Amino acid sequence: MKISSILRDTVLMALAFTGLLILQSSLLKDALVVQERTGLNQLMTGISGMLNNAHKSKDDIAIYEVLHSLTQASGIVRARIIDPDVNAEPESDTHSQVLEDGTHQWGKLILSVSDYQRRKLLRRQWLAGLAASGLVWAILFVYVQFMEKKNHILSANLAELSDLLQTEKKKIIGSQERERKTLIQAAATLQEAVRRISQPVLVLDSQQRVAALSESALASLNVSGSEMVLQKSWLEVPVLGSCGAALERSLTSPGQEILWSIPDSEDKFRIKTELDGLSGTWVELISSHKE
């Protein structure tokens, strides 16, 4: 995982969280305003009834006590009664209720309400949201630092492993090159040794290809040079093409000499596969003139 993608996801999460917090605050504010208005309307309806009863009985003390009690209530800044014909200047968070004695309007109740509790609740919500956001950011920051450190360690290990791999590749290439040179040298040594044999002899490797042959075998094979025969399958050598059955018997019976008469000729092949299977199959041409 790349660090840039983690940071991008972190920023997107923070923006989404902030958007949700703003939306929640807006919905909560609207809900509090509606609840406040509903509660205030119920309160003013009840208080209006008490004030109307007190006015009917001409009990000014009761009216004063009701207004005094309202000013002591939480959230109410001011409570007063004005003449119903007086138009009070509209103020924010100010509510009015007409006071009636039958059909006669004798006053108007004016309540000035404070939004302190509402703002306090919203502020608490914002602080809680910011605290939660800060906690999430702190956790993500620690996580990003941890991932960055882990990524650095993995990169270092990857670079070290890459260096080791390159070193091992060079060793393998060097080993393969030395092995190839060794095989070439061994093949050249075998060919030189077999070339000096006076009898017409061929040596087949484990894959039944001509690995070496003597000088006298060139004349028997009717070829001008050893390069025309070396590393070729026995099937590609005309004289050996008819002794497939004998070669198969030799491979299945290592250590035993197999004599094979060449068709339309009095010459024979003496075929022998060594027991270890590593020395190949030796094919010696026996001429009828030498027997």
Protein backbone atom coordinates (compact mmCIF):
# COMPACT_ATOMS: atom_id res chain seq x y z
CA MET A 1 0.00 0.00 0.00
CA LYS A 2 1.37 3.41 -0.98
CA ILE A 3 1.64 6.18 1.61
CA SER A 4 0.12 8.71 -0.83
CA SER A 5 -3.07 6.64 -1.11
CA ILE A 6 -3.30 6.41 2.69
CA LEU A 7 -2.97 10.21 3.02
CA ARG A 8 -5.56 10.74 0.30
CA ASP A 9 -8.02 8.41 2.02
CA THR A 10 -7.31 10.14 5.33
CA VAL A 11 -8.10 13.59 3.88
CA LEU A 12 -11.29 12.27 2.28
CA MET A 13 -12.37 10.72 5.58
CA ALA A 14 -11.66 13.98 7.41
CA LEU A 15 -13.68 15.99 4.89
CA ALA A 16 -16.56 13.52 5.08
CA PHE A 17 -16.47 13.61 8.89
CA THR A 18 -16.45 17.42 8.91
CA GLY A 19 -19.38 17.52 6.48
CA LEU A 20 -21.36 15.11 8.65
CA LEU A 21 -20.56 17.19 11.73
CA ILE A 22 -21.80 20.39 10.04
CA LEU A 23 -24.97 18.65 8.83
CA GLN A 24 -25.65 17.19 12.26
CA SER A 25 -25.15 20.59 13.92
CA SER A 26 -27.52 22.25 11.46
CA LEU A 27 -30.21 19.60 12.02
CA LEU A 28 -29.76 19.80 15.79
CA LYS A 29 -30.03 23.59 15.72
CA ASP A 30 -33.27 23.44 13.72
CA ALA A 31 -34.67 20.80 16.06
CA LEU A 32 -33.76 22.89 19.13
CA VAL A 33 -35.39 25.99 17.62
CA VAL A 34 -38.61 24.08 16.90
CA GLN A 35 -38.59 22.55 20.39
CA GLU A 36 -37.93 25.96 21.94
CA ARG A 37 -40.80 27.58 20.08
CA THR A 38 -43.18 24.78 20.96
CA GLY A 39 -42.23 24.91 24.64
CA LEU A 40 -42.41 28.71 24.69
CA ASN A 41 -45.84 28.75 23.08
CA GLN A 42 -47.12 26.28 25.66
CA LEU A 43 -45.56 28.36 28.45
CA MET A 44 -47.04 31.63 27.18
CA THR A 45 -50.47 30.04 26.77
CA GLY A 46 -50.41 28.89 30.41
CA ILE A 47 -49.00 32.17 31.71
CA SER A 48 -51.57 34.15 29.70
CA GLY A 49 -54.36 32.25 31.39
CA MET A 50 -52.91 33.02 34.85
CA LEU A 51 -52.46 36.70 34.00
CA ASN A 52 -56.00 36.96 32.58
CA ASN A 53 -57.44 35.46 35.77
CA ALA A 54 -55.36 37.82 37.89
CA HIS A 55 -56.51 40.78 35.80
CA LYS A 56 -60.16 39.79 36.21
CA SER A 57 -59.77 39.71 39.97
CA LYS A 58 -57.74 42.95 39.79
CA ASP A 59 -54.87 41.22 41.64
CA ASP A 60 -51.86 43.29 40.59
CA ILE A 61 -49.64 41.49 43.14
CA ALA A 62 -50.31 38.14 41.44
CA ILE A 63 -49.49 39.70 38.07
CA TYR A 64 -46.21 41.06 39.46
CA GLU A 65 -45.29 37.71 41.02
CA VAL A 66 -45.97 35.89 37.73
CA LEU A 67 -43.76 38.33 35.81
CA HIS A 68 -41.06 38.12 38.47
CA SER A 69 -41.15 34.33 38.36
CA LEU A 70 -40.78 34.45 34.58
CA THR A 71 -37.66 36.62 34.78
CA GLN A 72 -36.14 34.11 37.21
CA ALA A 73 -36.80 31.19 34.86
CA SER A 74 -33.87 29.75 32.90
CA GLY A 75 -33.60 31.11 29.37
CA ILE A 76 -35.94 34.10 29.87
CA VAL A 77 -34.10 37.44 29.94
CA ARG A 78 -37.04 39.78 30.36
CA ALA A 79 -40.84 39.56 30.91
CA ARG A 80 -43.15 42.57 30.65
CA ILE A 81 -46.72 43.61 29.82
CA ILE A 82 -47.30 46.49 27.43
CA ASP A 83 -50.39 48.23 26.13
CA PRO A 84 -51.98 46.23 23.30
CA ASP A 85 -52.15 49.34 21.11
CA VAL A 86 -48.40 49.97 21.38
CA ASN A 87 -46.36 48.38 18.61
CA ALA A 88 -43.20 47.03 20.21
CA GLU A 89 -40.07 47.08 18.09
CA PRO A 90 -39.34 43.56 16.82
CA GLU A 91 -36.28 42.04 18.41
CA SER A 92 -34.54 38.75 17.91
CA ASP A 93 -35.71 35.98 20.25
CA THR A 94 -38.67 38.09 21.40
CA HIS A 95 -42.15 36.55 21.62
CA SER A 96 -45.53 38.16 22.36
CA GLN A 97 -48.94 36.95 23.50
CA VAL A 98 -52.13 39.03 23.57
CA LEU A 99 -53.87 39.18 26.98
CA GLU A 100 -57.67 39.25 26.81
CA ASP A 101 -60.48 39.76 29.29
CA GLY A 102 -63.36 38.26 27.38
CA THR A 103 -63.32 40.05 24.06
CA HIS A 104 -61.38 43.04 25.43
CA GLN A 105 -57.61 43.11 24.93
CA TRP A 106 -56.10 44.61 28.04
CA GLY A 107 -52.40 43.98 27.40
CA LYS A 108 -49.66 42.16 25.54
CA LEU A 109 -47.15 39.82 27.20
CA ILE A 110 -43.60 40.27 25.85
CA LEU A 111 -40.93 37.65 26.59
CA SER A 112 -37.28 38.08 25.61
CA VAL A 113 -35.68 34.66 25.42
CA SER A 114 -31.94 33.91 25.47
CA ASP A 115 -30.40 31.32 23.13
CA TYR A 116 -27.49 30.71 25.52
CA GLN A 117 -28.45 27.13 26.31
CA ARG A 118 -28.86 26.34 22.65
CA ARG A 119 -25.49 27.84 21.76
CA LYS A 120 -23.93 26.05 24.73
CA LEU A 121 -25.29 22.70 23.56
CA LEU A 122 -24.11 23.32 20.00
CA ARG A 123 -20.70 24.38 21.25
CA ARG A 124 -20.44 21.21 23.31
CA GLN A 125 -21.37 19.17 20.28
CA TRP A 126 -18.73 20.93 18.19
CA LEU A 127 -16.11 20.36 20.86
CA ALA A 128 -17.05 16.69 21.12
CA GLY A 129 -16.94 16.37 17.33
CA LEU A 130 -13.58 18.11 17.12
CA ALA A 131 -12.24 15.91 19.91
CA ALA A 132 -13.42 12.80 18.09
CA SER A 133 -11.99 14.13 14.83
CA GLY A 134 -8.69 14.90 16.55
CA LEU A 135 -8.61 11.39 18.00
CA VAL A 136 -9.27 9.88 14.58
CA TRP A 137 -6.59 12.09 13.04
CA ALA A 138 -4.13 11.10 15.77
CA ILE A 139 -4.83 7.40 15.19
CA LEU A 140 -4.49 7.82 11.43
CA PHE A 141 -1.28 9.82 11.87
CA VAL A 142 0.22 7.07 14.03
CA TYR A 143 -0.96 4.48 11.52
CA VAL A 144 0.55 6.40 8.60
CA GLN A 145 3.85 6.76 10.49
CA PHE A 146 3.81 3.04 11.24
CA MET A 147 3.06 2.16 7.61
CA GLU A 148 5.76 4.55 6.39
CA LYS A 149 8.30 2.96 8.71
CA LYS A 150 7.19 -0.52 7.66
CA ASN A 151 7.34 0.48 3.99
CA HIS A 152 10.87 1.81 4.52
CA ILE A 153 11.93 -1.48 6.14
CA LEU A 154 10.30 -3.49 3.34
CA SER A 155 11.99 -1.33 0.71
CA ALA A 156 15.36 -1.85 2.39
CA ASN A 157 14.77 -5.61 2.60
CA LEU A 158 13.63 -5.66 -1.04
CA ALA A 159 16.75 -3.80 -2.14
CA GLU A 160 18.93 -6.19 -0.14
CA LEU A 161 17.15 -9.22 -1.61
CA SER A 162 17.48 -7.74 -5.09
CA ASP A 163 21.23 -7.34 -4.59
CA LEU A 164 21.47 -10.92 -3.31
CA LEU A 165 19.46 -12.13 -6.30
CA GLN A 166 21.73 -10.32 -8.73
CA THR A 167 24.77 -11.78 -6.98
CA GLU A 168 23.30 -15.29 -7.14
CA LYS A 169 22.43 -14.81 -10.83
CA LYS A 170 26.02 -13.82 -11.55
CA LYS A 171 27.22 -16.86 -9.63
CA ILE A 172 24.86 -19.16 -11.55
CA ILE A 173 25.88 -17.63 -14.89
CA GLY A 174 29.53 -18.02 -13.94
CA SER A 175 28.96 -21.61 -12.84
CA GLN A 176 27.07 -22.42 -16.05
CA GLU A 177 29.86 -20.86 -18.11
CA ARG A 178 32.50 -22.87 -16.25
CA GLU A 179 30.40 -26.03 -16.67
CA ARG A 180 30.00 -25.31 -20.38
CA LYS A 181 33.74 -24.82 -20.77
CA THR A 182 34.36 -27.99 -18.77
CA LEU A 183 32.00 -29.96 -21.01
CA ILE A 184 33.62 -28.55 -24.14
CA GLN A 185 37.05 -29.37 -22.75
CA ALA A 186 35.93 -32.88 -21.75
CA ALA A 187 34.42 -33.45 -25.21
CA ALA A 188 37.58 -32.19 -26.87
CA THR A 189 39.73 -34.39 -24.62
CA LEU A 190 37.56 -37.43 -25.34
CA GLN A 191 37.67 -36.79 -29.06
CA GLU A 192 41.42 -36.37 -29.02
CA ALA A 193 41.87 -39.59 -27.02
CA VAL A 194 39.52 -41.61 -29.22
CA ARG A 195 41.03 -40.12 -32.39
CA ARG A 196 44.37 -41.72 -31.53
CA ILE A 197 42.86 -45.22 -31.32
CA SER A 198 43.95 -47.30 -34.26
CA GLN A 199 40.71 -49.31 -34.54
CA PRO A 200 37.59 -47.76 -36.13
CA VAL A 201 35.67 -46.78 -32.98
CA LEU A 202 32.70 -44.48 -32.24
CA VAL A 203 31.50 -43.36 -28.83
CA LEU A 204 27.82 -42.50 -28.32
CA ASP A 205 26.74 -40.40 -25.36
CA SER A 206 23.71 -41.05 -23.12
CA GLN A 207 21.44 -39.47 -25.75
CA GLN A 208 22.89 -41.71 -28.47
CA ARG A 209 24.70 -38.92 -30.25
CA VAL A 210 28.20 -39.31 -31.63
CA ALA A 211 30.53 -37.92 -28.95
CA ALA A 212 33.86 -39.04 -30.44
CA LEU A 213 35.34 -41.20 -33.18
CA SER A 214 38.75 -42.41 -34.27
CA GLU A 215 40.60 -41.42 -37.44
CA SER A 216 40.21 -44.91 -38.84
CA ALA A 217 36.41 -44.71 -38.33
CA LEU A 218 36.19 -41.77 -40.74
CA ALA A 219 37.14 -43.98 -43.67
CA SER A 220 34.70 -46.67 -42.57
CA LEU A 221 31.89 -44.08 -42.40
CA ASN A 222 32.85 -42.60 -45.78
CA VAL A 223 33.11 -39.04 -44.37
CA SER A 224 35.90 -36.53 -44.89
CA GLY A 225 35.96 -34.94 -41.45
CA SER A 226 34.85 -35.60 -37.87
CA GLU A 227 32.73 -32.38 -37.78
CA MET A 228 30.31 -34.05 -40.22
CA VAL A 229 29.49 -36.74 -37.65
CA LEU A 230 30.14 -35.33 -34.16
CA GLN A 231 27.05 -34.46 -32.07
CA LYS A 232 24.74 -36.12 -34.58
CA SER A 233 22.26 -38.84 -33.74
CA TRP A 234 23.11 -42.42 -34.68
CA LEU A 235 20.12 -42.28 -37.04
CA GLU A 236 21.92 -39.60 -39.07
CA VAL A 237 24.98 -41.82 -39.57
CA PRO A 238 24.23 -44.09 -42.58
CA VAL A 239 26.27 -47.08 -41.37
CA LEU A 240 24.65 -47.00 -37.87
CA GLY A 241 21.11 -46.53 -39.14
CA SER A 242 20.57 -50.29 -39.46
CA CYS A 243 21.74 -51.26 -35.95
CA GLY A 244 19.00 -49.72 -33.87
CA ALA A 245 17.95 -53.08 -32.41
CA ALA A 246 21.53 -53.85 -31.37
CA LEU A 247 21.91 -50.45 -29.70
CA GLU A 248 18.67 -51.00 -27.80
CA ARG A 249 19.90 -54.44 -26.60
CA SER A 250 23.16 -52.88 -25.49
CA LEU A 251 21.39 -50.16 -23.50
CA THR A 252 19.16 -52.70 -21.77
CA SER A 253 22.13 -55.05 -21.10
CA PRO A 254 25.00 -52.78 -19.96
CA GLY A 255 28.39 -54.46 -19.69
CA GLN A 256 27.65 -57.04 -22.39
CA GLU A 257 29.14 -57.00 -25.88
CA ILE A 258 26.63 -57.15 -28.71
CA LEU A 259 27.75 -58.24 -32.17
CA TRP A 260 25.74 -56.88 -35.11
CA SER A 261 26.26 -57.84 -38.72
CA ILE A 262 25.97 -55.00 -41.17
CA PRO A 263 23.40 -55.81 -43.87
CA ASP A 264 24.85 -56.46 -47.33
CA SER A 265 28.31 -56.54 -45.81
CA GLU A 266 30.61 -58.98 -44.14
CA ASP A 267 31.66 -56.39 -41.55
CA LYS A 268 30.27 -56.36 -38.02
CA PHE A 269 29.77 -53.98 -35.12
CA ARG A 270 30.87 -54.77 -31.57
CA ILE A 271 28.60 -52.67 -29.34
CA LYS A 272 29.04 -52.30 -25.60
CA THR A 273 27.41 -49.94 -23.07
CA GLU A 274 29.43 -49.43 -19.88
CA LEU A 275 27.86 -50.47 -16.58
CA ASP A 276 27.99 -46.99 -15.02
CA GLY A 277 26.15 -45.51 -17.99
CA LEU A 278 28.45 -42.47 -17.83
CA SER A 279 31.07 -43.69 -20.29
CA GLY A 280 28.53 -43.98 -23.10
CA THR A 281 28.14 -46.71 -25.68
CA TRP A 282 31.24 -47.86 -27.60
CA VAL A 283 30.78 -49.05 -31.16
CA GLU A 284 33.72 -50.80 -32.83
CA LEU A 285 33.71 -51.73 -36.50
CA ILE A 286 35.13 -55.18 -37.09
CA SER A 287 36.20 -55.69 -40.66
CA SER A 288 35.95 -59.14 -42.10
CA HIS A 289 39.46 -58.73 -43.52
CA LYS A 290 40.94 -58.47 -40.04
CA GLU A 291 39.12 -61.38 -38.46
